[in-house]
Amino acid sequence: MVRNASQPASGQIGQMAPEFVLKDQNGADFRLSAFRGKRVILSFLSLAWTAESAEQVKVLEANNEIFESLNTVAVVISVDSVP
């Protein structure tokens, strides 16, 4: 589904996100609820590993200490299917 940018998103900044469970790179369950009480930055990337993807991950990693001081965790989610 394509959403027009002028349409409101289903969630709002600061609003609690609904629970979801995904498999991580090792096949284990990743649960958003594991981070309850923290702010979570969700970064959706393609594993095609473009220069933009690499730069985004580097920026997230470089700012990890700042995120920790703000009780925030950055999570990168691949939008690619599992091979």
N, C-alpha and C. Protein backbone atom coordinates (compact mmCIF):
# COMPACT_ATOMS: atom_id res chain seq x y z
N MET A 1 0.84 -1.17 0.00
CA MET A 1 0.00 0.00 0.00
C MET A 1 0.89 1.24 0.00
N VAL A 2 0.58 2.19 -0.84
CA VAL A 2 1.31 3.45 -0.89
C VAL A 2 0.50 4.49 -0.14
N ARG A 3 1.16 5.18 0.76
CA ARG A 3 0.47 6.19 1.56
C ARG A 3 1.00 7.55 1.15
N ASN A 4 0.08 8.47 0.93
CA ASN A 4 0.45 9.84 0.62
C ASN A 4 1.07 10.46 1.86
N ALA A 5 2.19 11.16 1.69
CA ALA A 5 2.89 11.76 2.83
C ALA A 5 2.03 12.75 3.59
N SER A 6 1.01 13.29 2.95
CA SER A 6 0.15 14.25 3.65
C SER A 6 -0.88 13.56 4.54
N GLN A 7 -1.04 12.25 4.39
CA GLN A 7 -1.95 11.50 5.24
C GLN A 7 -1.27 11.20 6.57
N PRO A 8 -2.01 11.27 7.67
CA PRO A 8 -1.38 10.97 8.96
C PRO A 8 -1.00 9.50 9.05
N ALA A 9 0.12 9.23 9.67
CA ALA A 9 0.55 7.86 9.91
C ALA A 9 -0.32 7.26 11.00
N SER A 10 -0.33 5.94 11.08
CA SER A 10 -1.17 5.30 12.09
C SER A 10 -0.63 5.51 13.50
N GLY A 11 0.66 5.75 13.63
CA GLY A 11 1.25 6.03 14.93
C GLY A 11 1.77 7.45 14.97
N GLN A 12 1.99 7.94 16.15
CA GLN A 12 2.50 9.29 16.31
C GLN A 12 3.77 9.23 17.15
N ILE A 13 4.64 10.20 16.94
CA ILE A 13 5.87 10.28 17.72
C ILE A 13 5.49 10.38 19.19
N GLY A 14 6.15 9.58 20.00
CA GLY A 14 5.88 9.58 21.43
C GLY A 14 4.78 8.62 21.85
N GLN A 15 4.05 8.10 20.89
CA GLN A 15 2.98 7.15 21.18
C GLN A 15 3.56 5.75 21.26
N MET A 16 3.03 4.91 22.14
CA MET A 16 3.53 3.54 22.27
C MET A 16 3.22 2.77 21.00
N ALA A 17 4.24 2.13 20.45
CA ALA A 17 4.08 1.33 19.23
C ALA A 17 3.47 -0.02 19.59
N PRO A 18 2.74 -0.60 18.66
CA PRO A 18 2.20 -1.94 18.92
C PRO A 18 3.32 -2.97 18.95
N GLU A 19 3.11 -4.03 19.68
CA GLU A 19 4.09 -5.11 19.76
C GLU A 19 4.27 -5.75 18.39
N PHE A 20 5.50 -6.12 18.08
CA PHE A 20 5.76 -6.96 16.91
C PHE A 20 6.92 -7.87 17.23
N VAL A 21 6.95 -8.98 16.52
CA VAL A 21 8.01 -9.98 16.69
C VAL A 21 8.57 -10.30 15.31
N LEU A 22 9.88 -10.23 15.17
CA LEU A 22 10.58 -10.57 13.94
C LEU A 22 11.71 -11.53 14.27
N LYS A 23 12.20 -12.24 13.29
CA LYS A 23 13.39 -13.09 13.47
C LYS A 23 14.62 -12.23 13.25
N ASP A 24 15.62 -12.38 14.13
CA ASP A 24 16.87 -11.64 13.95
C ASP A 24 17.79 -12.42 13.02
N GLN A 25 18.99 -11.91 12.82
CA GLN A 25 19.93 -12.53 11.89
C GLN A 25 20.36 -13.93 12.30
N ASN A 26 20.10 -14.30 13.57
CA ASN A 26 20.45 -15.63 14.06
C ASN A 26 19.23 -16.55 14.17
N GLY A 27 18.06 -16.05 13.73
CA GLY A 27 16.84 -16.84 13.78
C GLY A 27 16.09 -16.76 15.09
N ALA A 28 16.60 -15.96 16.04
CA ALA A 28 15.92 -15.80 17.33
C ALA A 28 14.84 -14.72 17.21
N ASP A 29 13.84 -14.81 18.08
CA ASP A 29 12.78 -13.80 18.08
C ASP A 29 13.31 -12.47 18.59
N PHE A 30 12.98 -11.42 17.87
CA PHE A 30 13.23 -10.04 18.30
C PHE A 30 11.87 -9.47 18.64
N ARG A 31 11.69 -9.05 19.88
CA ARG A 31 10.42 -8.49 20.35
C ARG A 31 10.60 -7.03 20.72
N LEU A 32 9.75 -6.19 20.16
CA LEU A 32 9.80 -4.78 20.52
C LEU A 32 9.58 -4.60 22.02
N SER A 33 8.75 -5.42 22.61
CA SER A 33 8.44 -5.30 24.04
C SER A 33 9.67 -5.52 24.92
N ALA A 34 10.74 -6.12 24.38
CA ALA A 34 11.96 -6.31 25.16
C ALA A 34 12.60 -4.97 25.52
N PHE A 35 12.19 -3.90 24.82
CA PHE A 35 12.74 -2.58 25.07
C PHE A 35 11.75 -1.67 25.78
N ARG A 36 10.72 -2.25 26.38
CA ARG A 36 9.72 -1.45 27.10
C ARG A 36 10.42 -0.55 28.11
N GLY A 37 9.99 0.71 28.14
CA GLY A 37 10.60 1.68 29.04
C GLY A 37 11.71 2.48 28.39
N LYS A 38 12.09 2.10 27.18
CA LYS A 38 13.12 2.82 26.43
C LYS A 38 12.48 3.47 25.20
N ARG A 39 13.15 4.50 24.70
CA ARG A 39 12.77 5.03 23.40
C ARG A 39 13.46 4.16 22.37
N VAL A 40 12.79 3.91 21.25
CA VAL A 40 13.34 3.02 20.22
C VAL A 40 13.32 3.75 18.88
N ILE A 41 14.48 3.78 18.23
CA ILE A 41 14.58 4.29 16.86
C ILE A 41 14.57 3.08 15.95
N LEU A 42 13.59 2.99 15.06
CA LEU A 42 13.53 1.90 14.09
C LEU A 42 14.06 2.41 12.76
N SER A 43 15.11 1.78 12.28
CA SER A 43 15.72 2.17 11.01
C SER A 43 15.52 1.02 10.03
N PHE A 44 14.74 1.26 8.98
CA PHE A 44 14.44 0.22 7.99
C PHE A 44 15.39 0.37 6.82
N LEU A 45 16.18 -0.68 6.55
CA LEU A 45 17.19 -0.65 5.50
C LEU A 45 17.10 -1.88 4.61
N SER A 46 17.59 -1.73 3.42
CA SER A 46 17.73 -2.85 2.50
C SER A 46 19.11 -3.44 2.70
N LEU A 47 19.22 -4.75 2.65
CA LEU A 47 20.53 -5.37 2.78
C LEU A 47 21.31 -5.33 1.48
N ALA A 48 20.78 -4.62 0.49
CA ALA A 48 21.54 -4.41 -0.74
C ALA A 48 22.81 -3.64 -0.42
N TRP A 49 22.84 -3.05 0.75
CA TRP A 49 23.99 -2.34 1.32
C TRP A 49 24.49 -1.25 0.39
N THR A 50 23.61 -0.30 0.15
CA THR A 50 23.98 0.86 -0.63
C THR A 50 24.86 1.78 0.22
N ALA A 51 25.45 2.76 -0.39
CA ALA A 51 26.27 3.73 0.35
C ALA A 51 25.42 4.44 1.40
N GLU A 52 24.17 4.73 1.06
CA GLU A 52 23.27 5.39 2.02
C GLU A 52 22.97 4.50 3.22
N SER A 53 22.77 3.21 2.97
CA SER A 53 22.52 2.27 4.06
C SER A 53 23.72 2.20 4.99
N ALA A 54 24.91 2.07 4.39
CA ALA A 54 26.13 1.99 5.20
C ALA A 54 26.31 3.25 6.03
N GLU A 55 26.07 4.40 5.45
CA GLU A 55 26.22 5.67 6.17
C GLU A 55 25.22 5.77 7.31
N GLN A 56 23.99 5.34 7.08
CA GLN A 56 22.98 5.40 8.13
C GLN A 56 23.38 4.53 9.32
N VAL A 57 23.89 3.34 9.06
CA VAL A 57 24.31 2.46 10.15
C VAL A 57 25.50 3.08 10.89
N LYS A 58 26.44 3.65 10.16
CA LYS A 58 27.59 4.30 10.80
C LYS A 58 27.16 5.44 11.71
N VAL A 59 26.20 6.23 11.26
CA VAL A 59 25.71 7.34 12.08
C VAL A 59 25.03 6.82 13.34
N LEU A 60 24.24 5.78 13.22
CA LEU A 60 23.58 5.20 14.39
C LEU A 60 24.63 4.68 15.38
N GLU A 61 25.61 3.95 14.87
CA GLU A 61 26.67 3.41 15.74
C GLU A 61 27.48 4.52 16.40
N ALA A 62 27.79 5.57 15.65
CA ALA A 62 28.60 6.68 16.17
C ALA A 62 27.88 7.43 17.28
N ASN A 63 26.56 7.36 17.27
CA ASN A 63 25.77 8.09 18.27
C ASN A 63 25.23 7.20 19.38
N ASN A 64 25.74 5.99 19.48
CA ASN A 64 25.23 5.04 20.45
C ASN A 64 25.32 5.55 21.89
N GLU A 65 26.42 6.16 22.26
CA GLU A 65 26.56 6.68 23.63
C GLU A 65 25.52 7.76 23.93
N ILE A 66 25.27 8.61 22.96
CA ILE A 66 24.24 9.66 23.14
C ILE A 66 22.88 9.00 23.30
N PHE A 67 22.59 8.01 22.45
CA PHE A 67 21.31 7.30 22.57
C PHE A 67 21.16 6.69 23.95
N GLU A 68 22.23 6.03 24.42
CA GLU A 68 22.17 5.40 25.75
C GLU A 68 21.88 6.43 26.83
N SER A 69 22.50 7.60 26.73
CA SER A 69 22.27 8.64 27.75
C SER A 69 20.84 9.16 27.71
N LEU A 70 20.16 8.96 26.59
CA LEU A 70 18.77 9.39 26.44
C LEU A 70 17.79 8.22 26.60
N ASN A 71 18.29 7.09 27.13
CA ASN A 71 17.47 5.90 27.32
C ASN A 71 16.83 5.46 26.00
N THR A 72 17.66 5.48 24.96
CA THR A 72 17.19 5.18 23.60
C THR A 72 18.06 4.09 22.99
N VAL A 73 17.43 3.24 22.21
CA VAL A 73 18.15 2.18 21.50
C VAL A 73 17.77 2.28 20.02
N ALA A 74 18.78 2.13 19.15
CA ALA A 74 18.55 2.13 17.70
C ALA A 74 18.51 0.68 17.22
N VAL A 75 17.51 0.37 16.43
CA VAL A 75 17.35 -0.98 15.89
C VAL A 75 17.26 -0.87 14.38
N VAL A 76 18.11 -1.62 13.68
CA VAL A 76 18.08 -1.64 12.23
C VAL A 76 17.31 -2.88 11.78
N ILE A 77 16.33 -2.67 10.92
CA ILE A 77 15.48 -3.75 10.42
C ILE A 77 15.65 -3.84 8.90
N SER A 78 16.00 -5.02 8.43
CA SER A 78 16.13 -5.23 6.99
C SER A 78 14.74 -5.44 6.40
N VAL A 79 14.50 -4.82 5.27
CA VAL A 79 13.22 -5.00 4.59
C VAL A 79 13.32 -6.10 3.53
N ASP A 80 14.47 -6.76 3.44
CA ASP A 80 14.67 -7.84 2.50
C ASP A 80 14.10 -9.14 3.04
N SER A 81 13.73 -10.04 2.14
CA SER A 81 13.26 -11.34 2.58
C SER A 81 14.45 -12.20 2.99
N VAL A 82 14.18 -13.22 3.76
CA VAL A 82 15.22 -14.13 4.20
C VAL A 82 15.51 -15.09 3.05
N PRO A 83 16.80 -15.28 2.71
CA PRO A 83 17.12 -16.20 1.57
C PRO A 83 16.79 -17.63 1.89
